[in-house]
PDB file of N, CA and C in Angstrom:
ATOM      1  N   MET A   1       0.580  -1.320   0.021  1.00  0.00           N
ATOM      2  CA  MET A   1      -0.138  -0.040   0.112  1.00  0.00           C
ATOM      3  C   MET A   1       0.789   1.227   0.069  1.00  0.00           C
ATOM      4  N   SER A   2       0.683   1.889  -1.242  1.00  0.00           N
ATOM      5  CA  SER A   2       1.763   3.554  -1.226  1.00  0.00           C
ATOM      6  C   SER A   2       1.150   4.263  -0.250  1.00  0.00           C
ATOM      7  N   LEU A   3       1.925   5.148   0.359  1.00  0.00           N
ATOM      8  CA  LEU A   3       1.417   5.975   1.167  1.00  0.00           C
ATOM      9  C   LEU A   3       1.039   7.644   0.708  1.00  0.00           C
ATOM     10  N   PRO A   4       0.647   7.880   0.697  1.00  0.00           N
ATOM     11  CA  PRO A   4      -0.566   8.954   0.129  1.00  0.00           C
ATOM     12  C   PRO A   4       0.165  10.531   1.034  1.00  0.00           C
ATOM     13  N   GLU A   5       1.089  11.175   0.517  1.00  0.00           N
ATOM     14  CA  GLU A   5       1.480  12.557   1.183  1.00  0.00           C
ATOM     15  C   GLU A   5       1.429  13.492   0.251  1.00  0.00           C
ATOM     16  N   ILE A   6       1.503  14.678   1.100  1.00  0.00           N
ATOM     17  CA  ILE A   6       1.136  16.239   0.337  1.00  0.00           C
ATOM     18  C   ILE A   6       2.376  17.033   0.533  1.00  0.00           C
ATOM     19  N   SER A   7       2.196  17.704  -0.136  1.00  0.00           N
ATOM     20  CA  SER A   7       3.505  19.278   0.807  1.00  0.00           C
ATOM     21  C   SER A   7       3.215  20.043   1.236  1.00  0.00           C
ATOM     22  N   VAL A   8       3.768  21.005   2.121  1.00  0.00           N
ATOM     23  CA  VAL A   8       3.523  22.244   2.898  1.00  0.00           C
ATOM     24  C   VAL A   8       2.573  23.071   2.060  1.00  0.00           C
ATOM     25  N   THR A   9       3.071  23.198   0.634  1.00  0.00           N
ATOM     26  CA  THR A   9       2.289  24.025  -0.122  1.00  0.00           C
ATOM     27  C   THR A   9       1.068  23.401  -0.522  1.00  0.00           C
ATOM     28  N   THR A  10       0.654  22.150  -0.327  1.00  0.00           N
ATOM     29  CA  THR A  10      -0.945  22.187  -0.734  1.00  0.00           C
ATOM     30  C   THR A  10      -1.446  21.999   0.828  1.00  0.00           C
ATOM     31  N   LEU A  11      -1.011  21.733   1.619  1.00  0.00           N
ATOM     32  CA  LEU A  11      -1.835  21.813   3.194  1.00  0.00           C
ATOM     33  C   LEU A  11      -1.879  23.172   3.626  1.00  0.00           C
ATOM     34  N   ASN A  12      -0.766  24.388   3.101  1.00  0.00           N
ATOM     35  CA  ASN A  12      -1.344  25.767   3.377  1.00  0.00           C
ATOM     36  C   ASN A  12      -2.264  25.952   2.656  1.00  0.00           C
ATOM     37  N   GLU A  13      -2.251  25.985   1.313  1.00  0.00           N
ATOM     38  CA  GLU A  13      -3.732  25.527   0.626  1.00  0.00           C
ATOM     39  C   GLU A  13      -5.399  25.198   1.062  1.00  0.00           C
ATOM     40  N   TRP A  14      -4.997  23.879   1.657  1.00  0.00           N
ATOM     41  CA  TRP A  14      -6.141  23.571   2.332  1.00  0.00           C
ATOM     42  C   TRP A  14      -6.417  24.305   3.549  1.00  0.00           C
ATOM     43  N   LEU A  15      -5.433  24.741   4.304  1.00  0.00           N
ATOM     44  CA  LEU A  15      -6.028  25.231   5.459  1.00  0.00           C
ATOM     45  C   LEU A  15      -6.370  26.897   5.382  1.00  0.00           C
ATOM     46  N   GLU A  16      -6.090  27.333   4.210  1.00  0.00           N
ATOM     47  CA  GLU A  16      -6.620  28.816   3.956  1.00  0.00           C
ATOM     48  C   GLU A  16      -7.505  28.121   3.503  1.00  0.00           C
ATOM     49  N   LYS A  17      -8.006  27.250   3.385  1.00  0.00           N
ATOM     50  CA  LYS A  17      -9.830  27.182   2.722  1.00  0.00           C
ATOM     51  C   LYS A  17     -10.518  26.664   3.649  1.00  0.00           C
ATOM     52  N   ASP A  18      -9.948  26.689   4.933  1.00  0.00           N
ATOM     53  CA  ASP A  18     -10.466  25.746   5.960  1.00  0.00           C
ATOM     54  C   ASP A  18     -10.928  24.312   5.571  1.00  0.00           C
ATOM     55  N   ASP A  19      -9.946  23.485   4.857  1.00  0.00           N
ATOM     56  CA  ASP A  19     -10.838  22.411   3.916  1.00  0.00           C
ATOM     57  C   ASP A  19      -9.465  21.481   4.384  1.00  0.00           C
ATOM     58  N   VAL A  20      -9.214  20.887   5.402  1.00  0.00           N
ATOM     59  CA  VAL A  20      -8.563  19.941   6.432  1.00  0.00           C
ATOM     60  C   VAL A  20      -8.857  19.803   7.717  1.00  0.00           C
ATOM     61  N   LEU A  21      -8.701  18.483   7.850  1.00  0.00           N
ATOM     62  CA  LEU A  21      -7.953  18.053   9.661  1.00  0.00           C
ATOM     63  C   LEU A  21      -6.505  17.715   9.794  1.00  0.00           C
ATOM     64  N   LEU A  22      -6.027  18.832  10.359  1.00  0.00           N
ATOM     65  CA  LEU A  22      -4.596  18.885  10.739  1.00  0.00           C
ATOM     66  C   LEU A  22      -4.399  17.611  12.053  1.00  0.00           C
ATOM     67  N   ILE A  23      -3.553  16.619  11.677  1.00  0.00           N
ATOM     68  CA  ILE A  23      -3.250  15.931  13.018  1.00  0.00           C
ATOM     69  C   ILE A  23      -1.594  16.310  13.360  1.00  0.00           C
ATOM     70  N   ASP A  24      -1.010  16.001  14.384  1.00  0.00           N
ATOM     71  CA  ASP A  24       0.148  16.267  15.164  1.00  0.00           C
ATOM     72  C   ASP A  24       0.250  15.413  15.516  1.00  0.00           C
ATOM     73  N   VAL A  25       1.107  14.086  15.125  1.00  0.00           N
ATOM     74  CA  VAL A  25       1.473  13.058  16.326  1.00  0.00           C
ATOM     75  C   VAL A  25       2.863  13.415  17.181  1.00  0.00           C
ATOM     76  N   ARG A  26       3.505  14.779  16.785  1.00  0.00           N
ATOM     77  CA  ARG A  26       4.663  14.616  18.191  1.00  0.00           C
ATOM     78  C   ARG A  26       4.357  14.708  19.113  1.00  0.00           C
ATOM     79  N   GLU A  27       5.233  14.993  20.343  1.00  0.00           N
ATOM     80  CA  GLU A  27       4.765  14.623  21.861  1.00  0.00           C
ATOM     81  C   GLU A  27       4.805  16.008  22.080  1.00  0.00           C
ATOM     82  N   GLN A  28       3.862  16.261  23.139  1.00  0.00           N
ATOM     83  CA  GLN A  28       3.811  17.455  24.223  1.00  0.00           C
ATOM     84  C   GLN A  28       4.481  18.453  24.045  1.00  0.00           C
ATOM     85  N   ALA A  29       6.178  18.017  24.575  1.00  0.00           N
ATOM     86  CA  ALA A  29       7.386  19.048  24.425  1.00  0.00           C
ATOM     87  C   ALA A  29       7.515  19.459  23.474  1.00  0.00           C
ATOM     88  N   GLU A  30       7.332  18.669  22.234  1.00  0.00           N
ATOM     89  CA  GLU A  30       7.633  19.141  21.135  1.00  0.00           C
ATOM     90  C   GLU A  30       6.655  19.918  20.588  1.00  0.00           C
ATOM     91  N   TRP A  31       5.072  20.050  20.840  1.00  0.00           N
ATOM     92  CA  TRP A  31       4.037  20.927  20.273  1.00  0.00           C
ATOM     93  C   TRP A  31       4.147  22.155  21.175  1.00  0.00           C
ATOM     94  N   ASP A  32       5.041  21.759  22.474  1.00  0.00           N
ATOM     95  CA  ASP A  32       4.958  23.328  23.207  1.00  0.00           C
ATOM     96  C   ASP A  32       6.138  24.200  22.592  1.00  0.00           C
ATOM     97  N   GLN A  33       6.674  23.743  22.131  1.00  0.00           N
ATOM     98  CA  GLN A  33       8.077  24.313  21.199  1.00  0.00           C
ATOM     99  C   GLN A  33       7.131  25.109  19.662  1.00  0.00           C
ATOM    100  N   ALA A  34       7.024  24.370  19.323  1.00  0.00           N
ATOM    101  CA  ALA A  34       6.494  24.668  17.668  1.00  0.00           C
ATOM    102  C   ALA A  34       5.211  24.092  17.469  1.00  0.00           C
ATOM    103  N   ARG A  35       4.482  24.674  17.178  1.00  0.00           N
ATOM    104  CA  ARG A  35       3.258  24.094  16.110  1.00  0.00           C
ATOM    105  C   ARG A  35       2.196  24.976  15.213  1.00  0.00           C
ATOM    106  N   LEU A  36       1.525  24.260  14.626  1.00  0.00           N
ATOM    107  CA  LEU A  36       0.543  24.942  13.438  1.00  0.00           C
ATOM    108  C   LEU A  36      -0.814  25.349  14.349  1.00  0.00           C
ATOM    109  N   PRO A  37      -1.147  26.599  14.362  1.00  0.00           N
ATOM    110  CA  PRO A  37      -2.482  26.744  15.201  1.00  0.00           C
ATOM    111  C   PRO A  37      -3.732  25.544  15.019  1.00  0.00           C
ATOM    112  N   GLN A  38      -3.676  25.420  13.526  1.00  0.00           N
ATOM    113  CA  GLN A  38      -5.001  24.764  13.184  1.00  0.00           C
ATOM    114  C   GLN A  38      -4.854  22.895  13.395  1.00  0.00           C
ATOM    115  N   ALA A  39      -3.678  22.908  14.119  1.00  0.00           N
ATOM    116  CA  ALA A  39      -3.157  21.315  14.093  1.00  0.00           C
ATOM    117  C   ALA A  39      -4.155  20.887  15.835  1.00  0.00           C
ATOM    118  N   LEU A  40      -4.335  19.561  15.459  1.00  0.00           N
ATOM    119  CA  LEU A  40      -4.678  18.947  16.668  1.00  0.00           C
ATOM    120  C   LEU A  40      -4.029  17.699  17.420  1.00  0.00           C
ATOM    121  N   LEU A  41      -3.300  17.693  18.640  1.00  0.00           N
ATOM    122  CA  LEU A  41      -2.329  16.823  19.211  1.00  0.00           C
ATOM    123  C   LEU A  41      -2.803  15.969  19.660  1.00  0.00           C
ATOM    124  N   LEU A  42      -2.210  14.709  18.670  1.00  0.00           N
ATOM    125  CA  LEU A  42      -2.201  13.211  19.070  1.00  0.00           C
ATOM    126  C   LEU A  42      -1.174  12.542  18.643  1.00  0.00           C
ATOM    127  N   PRO A  43      -0.211  12.934  20.168  1.00  0.00           N
ATOM    128  CA  PRO A  43       0.694  11.653  20.231  1.00  0.00           C
ATOM    129  C   PRO A  43       1.081  10.498  19.410  1.00  0.00           C
ATOM    130  N   LEU A  44       1.986  10.309  18.811  1.00  0.00           N
ATOM    131  CA  LEU A  44       2.375   9.059  18.508  1.00  0.00           C
ATOM    132  C   LEU A  44       2.492   8.051  19.717  1.00  0.00           C
ATOM    133  N   SER A  45       3.021   8.552  20.534  1.00  0.00           N
ATOM    134  CA  SER A  45       3.360   7.380  21.662  1.00  0.00           C
ATOM    135  C   SER A  45       1.856   6.526  22.613  1.00  0.00           C
ATOM    136  N   SER A  46       0.707   7.585  22.419  1.00  0.00           N
ATOM    137  CA  SER A  46      -0.864   7.026  23.017  1.00  0.00           C
ATOM    138  C   SER A  46      -1.153   7.011  21.273  1.00  0.00           C
ATOM    139  N   PHE A  47      -1.238   7.174  20.161  1.00  0.00           N
ATOM    140  CA  PHE A  47      -1.790   6.970  19.003  1.00  0.00           C
ATOM    141  C   PHE A  47      -2.599   5.988  19.052  1.00  0.00           C
ATOM    142  N   ASP A  48      -4.359   6.703  18.737  1.00  0.00           N
ATOM    143  CA  ASP A  48      -5.393   5.806  18.409  1.00  0.00           C
ATOM    144  C   ASP A  48      -6.273   6.258  17.300  1.00  0.00           C
ATOM    145  N   PRO A  49      -6.196   5.634  16.598  1.00  0.00           N
ATOM    146  CA  PRO A  49      -6.369   6.283  15.123  1.00  0.00           C
ATOM    147  C   PRO A  49      -7.774   6.512  15.551  1.00  0.00           C
ATOM    148  N   LEU A  50      -8.763   5.520  15.788  1.00  0.00           N
ATOM    149  CA  LEU A  50     -10.194   6.530  16.505  1.00  0.00           C
ATOM    150  C   LEU A  50     -10.760   7.268  17.069  1.00  0.00           C
ATOM    151  N   ALA A  51      -9.167   7.603  17.093  1.00  0.00           N
ATOM    152  CA  ALA A  51      -9.488   9.428  18.678  1.00  0.00           C
ATOM    153  C   ALA A  51      -9.716  10.152  17.238  1.00  0.00           C
ATOM    154  N   ILE A  52      -9.376  10.267  16.222  1.00  0.00           N
ATOM    155  CA  ILE A  52      -9.368  10.861  15.134  1.00  0.00           C
ATOM    156  C   ILE A  52     -10.629  11.706  14.987  1.00  0.00           C
ATOM    157  N   PRO A  53     -10.890  12.906  14.890  1.00  0.00           N
ATOM    158  CA  PRO A  53     -12.057  13.273  14.939  1.00  0.00           C
ATOM    159  C   PRO A  53     -13.155  13.314  13.490  1.00  0.00           C
ATOM    160  N   ASP A  54     -14.133  13.455  13.856  1.00  0.00           N
ATOM    161  CA  ASP A  54     -14.858  12.988  12.318  1.00  0.00           C
ATOM    162  C   ASP A  54     -14.622  14.196  11.634  1.00  0.00           C
ATOM    163  N   ALA A  55     -13.661  14.241  10.192  1.00  0.00           N
ATOM    164  CA  ALA A  55     -13.267  15.646   9.360  1.00  0.00           C
ATOM    165  C   ALA A  55     -14.261  16.075   8.001  1.00  0.00           C
ATOM    166  N   ASN A  56     -15.878  15.327   8.509  1.00  0.00           N
ATOM    167  CA  ASN A  56     -17.228  16.338   7.778  1.00  0.00           C
ATOM    168  C   ASN A  56     -16.357  16.121   6.299  1.00  0.00           C
ATOM    169  N   GLY A  57     -15.809  14.814   5.869  1.00  0.00           N
ATOM    170  CA  GLY A  57     -15.957  15.011   4.418  1.00  0.00           C
ATOM    171  C   GLY A  57     -14.444  15.637   4.315  1.00  0.00           C
ATOM    172  N   LYS A  58     -13.624  16.335   4.612  1.00  0.00           N
ATOM    173  CA  LYS A  58     -12.319  16.872   4.721  1.00  0.00           C
ATOM    174  C   LYS A  58     -11.224  15.641   4.674  1.00  0.00           C
ATOM    175  N   PRO A  59     -10.378  16.105   3.967  1.00  0.00           N
ATOM    176  CA  PRO A  59      -9.114  15.177   3.556  1.00  0.00           C
ATOM    177  C   PRO A  59      -8.381  15.425   5.548  1.00  0.00           C
ATOM    178  N   THR A  60      -7.843  14.300   5.674  1.00  0.00           N
ATOM    179  CA  THR A  60      -6.994  14.418   7.001  1.00  0.00           C
ATOM    180  C   THR A  60      -5.246  14.359   6.980  1.00  0.00           C
ATOM    181  N   VAL A  61      -4.583  15.561   7.496  1.00  0.00           N
ATOM    182  CA  VAL A  61      -3.106  15.249   6.816  1.00  0.00           C
ATOM    183  C   VAL A  61      -2.656  15.240   8.025  1.00  0.00           C
ATOM    184  N   ILE A  62      -1.601  13.746   8.290  1.00  0.00           N
ATOM    185  CA  ILE A  62      -0.865  13.816   9.738  1.00  0.00           C
ATOM    186  C   ILE A  62       0.109  14.365   9.679  1.00  0.00           C
ATOM    187  N   MET A  63       1.059  15.066  10.403  1.00  0.00           N
ATOM    188  CA  MET A  63       2.339  15.462  10.739  1.00  0.00           C
ATOM    189  C   MET A  63       2.920  15.187  12.118  1.00  0.00           C
ATOM    190  N   CYS A  64       4.131  15.517  11.858  1.00  0.00           N
ATOM    191  CA  CYS A  64       5.099  15.369  13.139  1.00  0.00           C
ATOM    192  C   CYS A  64       6.241  16.182  12.869  1.00  0.00           C
ATOM    193  N   ARG A  65       7.546  16.011  13.407  1.00  0.00           N
ATOM    194  CA  ARG A  65       9.004  16.828  12.886  1.00  0.00           C
ATOM    195  C   ARG A  65       9.269  16.554  11.456  1.00  0.00           C
ATOM    196  N   SER A  66       9.212  15.303  11.181  1.00  0.00           N
ATOM    197  CA  SER A  66      10.080  15.602   9.956  1.00  0.00           C
ATOM    198  C   SER A  66       9.632  14.581   9.119  1.00  0.00           C
ATOM    199  N   GLY A  67       8.290  14.241   9.145  1.00  0.00           N
ATOM    200  CA  GLY A  67       7.360  13.125   8.123  1.00  0.00           C
ATOM    201  C   GLY A  67       7.579  11.358   8.336  1.00  0.00           C
ATOM    202  N   ARG A  68       7.996  11.317   9.260  1.00  0.00           N
ATOM    203  CA  ARG A  68       8.463   9.833   9.911  1.00  0.00           C
ATOM    204  C   ARG A  68       7.773   9.061  10.701  1.00  0.00           C
ATOM    205  N   ARG A  69       7.359   9.728  11.697  1.00  0.00           N
ATOM    206  CA  ARG A  69       6.440   8.727  12.362  1.00  0.00           C
ATOM    207  C   ARG A  69       4.810   8.938  11.984  1.00  0.00           C
ATOM    208  N   SER A  70       4.996  10.440  11.255  1.00  0.00           N
ATOM    209  CA  SER A  70       3.665  10.264  10.691  1.00  0.00           C
ATOM    210  C   SER A  70       3.388   9.399   9.509  1.00  0.00           C
ATOM    211  N   ALA A  71       4.241   9.259   9.371  1.00  0.00           N
ATOM    212  CA  ALA A  71       4.164   8.006   8.179  1.00  0.00           C
ATOM    213  C   ALA A  71       3.603   7.071   8.892  1.00  0.00           C
ATOM    214  N   ASP A  72       4.413   6.572   9.933  1.00  0.00           N
ATOM    215  CA  ASP A  72       3.420   5.519  10.382  1.00  0.00           C
ATOM    216  C   ASP A  72       2.275   5.859  10.701  1.00  0.00           C
ATOM    217  N   ALA A  73       1.780   6.837  11.476  1.00  0.00           N
ATOM    218  CA  ALA A  73       0.562   7.109  12.006  1.00  0.00           C
ATOM    219  C   ALA A  73      -0.512   7.138  10.621  1.00  0.00           C
ATOM    220  N   THR A  74       0.021   7.587   9.221  1.00  0.00           N
ATOM    221  CA  THR A  74      -0.699   7.239   8.383  1.00  0.00           C
ATOM    222  C   THR A  74      -1.187   6.184   8.028  1.00  0.00           C
ATOM    223  N   GLN A  75      -0.309   5.452   8.444  1.00  0.00           N
ATOM    224  CA  GLN A  75      -0.572   3.719   7.584  1.00  0.00           C
ATOM    225  C   GLN A  75      -1.371   2.871   8.519  1.00  0.00           C
ATOM    226  N   VAL A  76      -1.221   3.576  10.039  1.00  0.00           N
ATOM    227  CA  VAL A  76      -2.203   2.901  10.966  1.00  0.00           C
ATOM    228  C   VAL A  76      -3.703   3.566  10.598  1.00  0.00           C
ATOM    229  N   ALA A  77      -3.532   4.817  10.322  1.00  0.00           N
ATOM    230  CA  ALA A  77      -4.719   5.038  10.261  1.00  0.00           C
ATOM    231  C   ALA A  77      -5.458   4.715   8.942  1.00  0.00           C
ATOM    232  N   MET A  78      -5.146   4.518   7.647  1.00  0.00           N
ATOM    233  CA  MET A  78      -5.564   3.608   6.435  1.00  0.00           C
ATOM    234  C   MET A  78      -5.767   2.623   6.543  1.00  0.00           C
ATOM    235  N   MET A  79      -5.182   1.758   7.542  1.00  0.00           N
ATOM    236  CA  MET A  79      -5.579   0.565   7.716  1.00  0.00           C
ATOM    237  C   MET A  79      -6.674   0.418   8.397  1.00  0.00           C
ATOM    238  N   THR A  80      -7.028   0.958   9.088  1.00  0.00           N
ATOM    239  CA  THR A  80      -8.099   1.621   9.915  1.00  0.00           C
ATOM    240  C   THR A  80      -9.559   1.841   9.242  1.00  0.00           C
ATOM    241  N   GLY A  81      -9.788   2.266   7.698  1.00  0.00           N
ATOM    242  CA  GLY A  81     -10.161   2.468   6.888  1.00  0.00           C
ATOM    243  C   GLY A  81     -10.439   3.730   6.678  1.00  0.00           C
ATOM    244  N   ARG A  82      -9.430   4.615   7.613  1.00  0.00           N
ATOM    245  CA  ARG A  82      -9.565   6.514   7.554  1.00  0.00           C
ATOM    246  C   ARG A  82      -9.212   6.626   6.129  1.00  0.00           C
ATOM    247  N   THR A  83      -9.780   7.470   5.403  1.00  0.00           N
ATOM    248  CA  THR A  83      -9.679   7.930   3.755  1.00  0.00           C
ATOM    249  C   THR A  83     -10.606   9.187   3.600  1.00  0.00           C
ATOM    250  N   PRO A  84     -10.051  10.141   3.046  1.00  0.00           N
ATOM    251  CA  PRO A  84      -8.991  10.092   2.714  1.00  0.00           C
ATOM    252  C   PRO A  84      -7.974  10.562   3.497  1.00  0.00           C
ATOM    253  N   VAL A  85      -6.519  10.104   3.846  1.00  0.00           N
ATOM    254  CA  VAL A  85      -5.305  10.467   4.880  1.00  0.00           C
ATOM    255  C   VAL A  85      -4.487  10.764   4.251  1.00  0.00           C
ATOM    256  N   TYR A  86      -3.434  11.564   4.558  1.00  0.00           N
ATOM    257  CA  TYR A  86      -2.284  11.805   4.260  1.00  0.00           C
ATOM    258  C   TYR A  86      -0.917  12.364   4.891  1.00  0.00           C
ATOM    259  N   ASN A  87       0.078  11.600   4.720  1.00  0.00           N
ATOM    260  CA  ASN A  87       1.434  12.171   5.065  1.00  0.00           C
ATOM    261  C   ASN A  87       2.039  13.292   4.944  1.00  0.00           C
ATOM    262  N   LEU A  88       2.214  14.284   5.731  1.00  0.00           N
ATOM    263  CA  LEU A  88       3.146  15.849   5.544  1.00  0.00           C
ATOM    264  C   LEU A  88       4.113  15.484   4.957  1.00  0.00           C
ATOM    265  N   THR A  89       5.166  15.615   3.567  1.00  0.00           N
ATOM    266  CA  THR A  89       6.239  15.604   3.673  1.00  0.00           C
ATOM    267  C   THR A  89       7.041  16.543   4.320  1.00  0.00           C
ATOM    268  N   GLY A  90       7.962  15.802   4.727  1.00  0.00           N
ATOM    269  CA  GLY A  90       8.900  16.741   5.419  1.00  0.00           C
ATOM    270  C   GLY A  90       8.517  17.531   7.006  1.00  0.00           C
ATOM    271  N   GLY A  91       7.093  17.125   7.502  1.00  0.00           N
ATOM    272  CA  GLY A  91       6.874  17.703   8.391  1.00  0.00           C
ATOM    273  C   GLY A  91       6.882  18.873   8.948  1.00  0.00           C
ATOM    274  N   ILE A  92       6.695  19.539  10.162  1.00  0.00           N
ATOM    275  CA  ILE A  92       6.947  20.963  10.464  1.00  0.00           C
ATOM    276  C   ILE A  92       8.610  21.748  10.422  1.00  0.00           C
ATOM    277  N   LEU A  93       8.903  20.722   9.759  1.00  0.00           N
ATOM    278  CA  LEU A  93      11.139  21.370   9.639  1.00  0.00           C
ATOM    279  C   LEU A  93      10.443  22.010   8.054  1.00  0.00           C
ATOM    280  N   ALA A  94      10.173  21.066   7.471  1.00  0.00           N
ATOM    281  CA  ALA A  94       9.466  21.573   6.085  1.00  0.00           C
ATOM    282  C   ALA A  94       8.652  22.908   6.002  1.00  0.00           C
ATOM    283  N   TRP A  95       7.987  22.820   7.004  1.00  0.00           N
ATOM    284  CA  TRP A  95       6.421  24.050   7.233  1.00  0.00           C
ATOM    285  C   TRP A  95       7.777  25.102   7.664  1.00  0.00           C
ATOM    286  N   GLN A  96       8.515  25.164   8.461  1.00  0.00           N
ATOM    287  CA  GLN A  96       9.137  26.241   8.526  1.00  0.00           C
ATOM    288  C   GLN A  96      10.004  26.492   7.888  1.00  0.00           C
ATOM    289  N   ALA A  97      11.061  25.817   7.386  1.00  0.00           N
ATOM    290  CA  ALA A  97      11.588  26.213   5.888  1.00  0.00           C
ATOM    291  C   ALA A  97      11.148  27.019   4.793  1.00  0.00           C
ATOM    292  N   ALA A  98       9.778  26.695   4.718  1.00  0.00           N
ATOM    293  CA  ALA A  98       9.289  27.141   3.520  1.00  0.00           C
ATOM    294  C   ALA A  98       8.294  28.590   4.579  1.00  0.00           C
ATOM    295  N   GLY A  99       8.808  28.784   5.286  1.00  0.00           N
ATOM    296  CA  GLY A  99       8.409  30.215   5.839  1.00  0.00           C
ATOM    297  C   GLY A  99       6.868  30.535   6.102  1.00  0.00           C
ATOM    298  N   LEU A 100       6.309  29.296   6.461  1.00  0.00           N
ATOM    299  CA  LEU A 100       4.937  29.709   6.492  1.00  0.00           C
ATOM    300  C   LEU A 100       4.435  29.413   7.814  1.00  0.00           C
ATOM    301  N   PRO A 101       3.361  30.534   8.583  1.00  0.00           N
ATOM    302  CA  PRO A 101       3.297  30.680   9.378  1.00  0.00           C
ATOM    303  C   PRO A 101       2.984  29.531  10.650  1.00  0.00           C
ATOM    304  N   MET A 102       3.444  29.426  11.760  1.00  0.00           N
ATOM    305  CA  MET A 102       3.561  28.686  12.771  1.00  0.00           C
ATOM    306  C   MET A 102       3.439  29.075  14.084  1.00  0.00           C
ATOM    307  N   ILE A 103       3.149  28.916  15.203  1.00  0.00           N
ATOM    308  CA  ILE A 103       3.727  29.590  16.482  1.00  0.00           C
ATOM    309  C   ILE A 103       5.049  28.406  17.339  1.00  0.00           C
ATOM    310  N   GLY A 104       6.108  29.713  17.391  1.00  0.00           N
ATOM    311  CA  GLY A 104       7.291  28.993  18.104  1.00  0.00           C
ATOM    312  C   GLY A 104       8.146  28.918  16.655  1.00  0.00           C
ATOM    313  N   GLN A 105       9.251  28.059  17.231  1.00  0.00           N
ATOM    314  CA  GLN A 105      10.307  27.429  16.507  1.00  0.00           C
ATOM    315  C   GLN A 105      10.850  25.858  16.255  1.00  0.00           C
ATOM    316  N   ALA A 106      10.110  25.109  15.396  1.00  0.00           N
ATOM    317  CA  ALA A 106      11.262  23.846  15.641  1.00  0.00           C
ATOM    318  C   ALA A 106      12.661  23.476  15.361  1.00  0.00           C
ATOM    319  N   THR A 107      12.743  22.376  16.331  1.00  0.00           N
ATOM    320  CA  THR A 107      14.389  22.115  16.207  1.00  0.00           C
ATOM    321  C   THR A 107      14.603  20.741  15.949  1.00  0.00           C
TER     322      THR A 107
END
């Protein structure tokens, strides 16, 4: 099963249209340091794809620091039938490198 991924540019467009549910699977300390204001925190250490709220037909994007942990979470979400669901390529580091709006600074 191939992993559907999107770029930070696409995510930014979807966020501007309020057309996406964004899930951040980083841990609380990472979230406290830097985050996207529209994201919902569901840390990978306790990730339950059934806890993802109903997206009302909008796509779900899962993100982390670099895209590795969110890829795992995206796979799990897909196995439970969640669609459409995407992994954010490059995670918050790619978002920050693109100069897109966020709270704090990721390291």
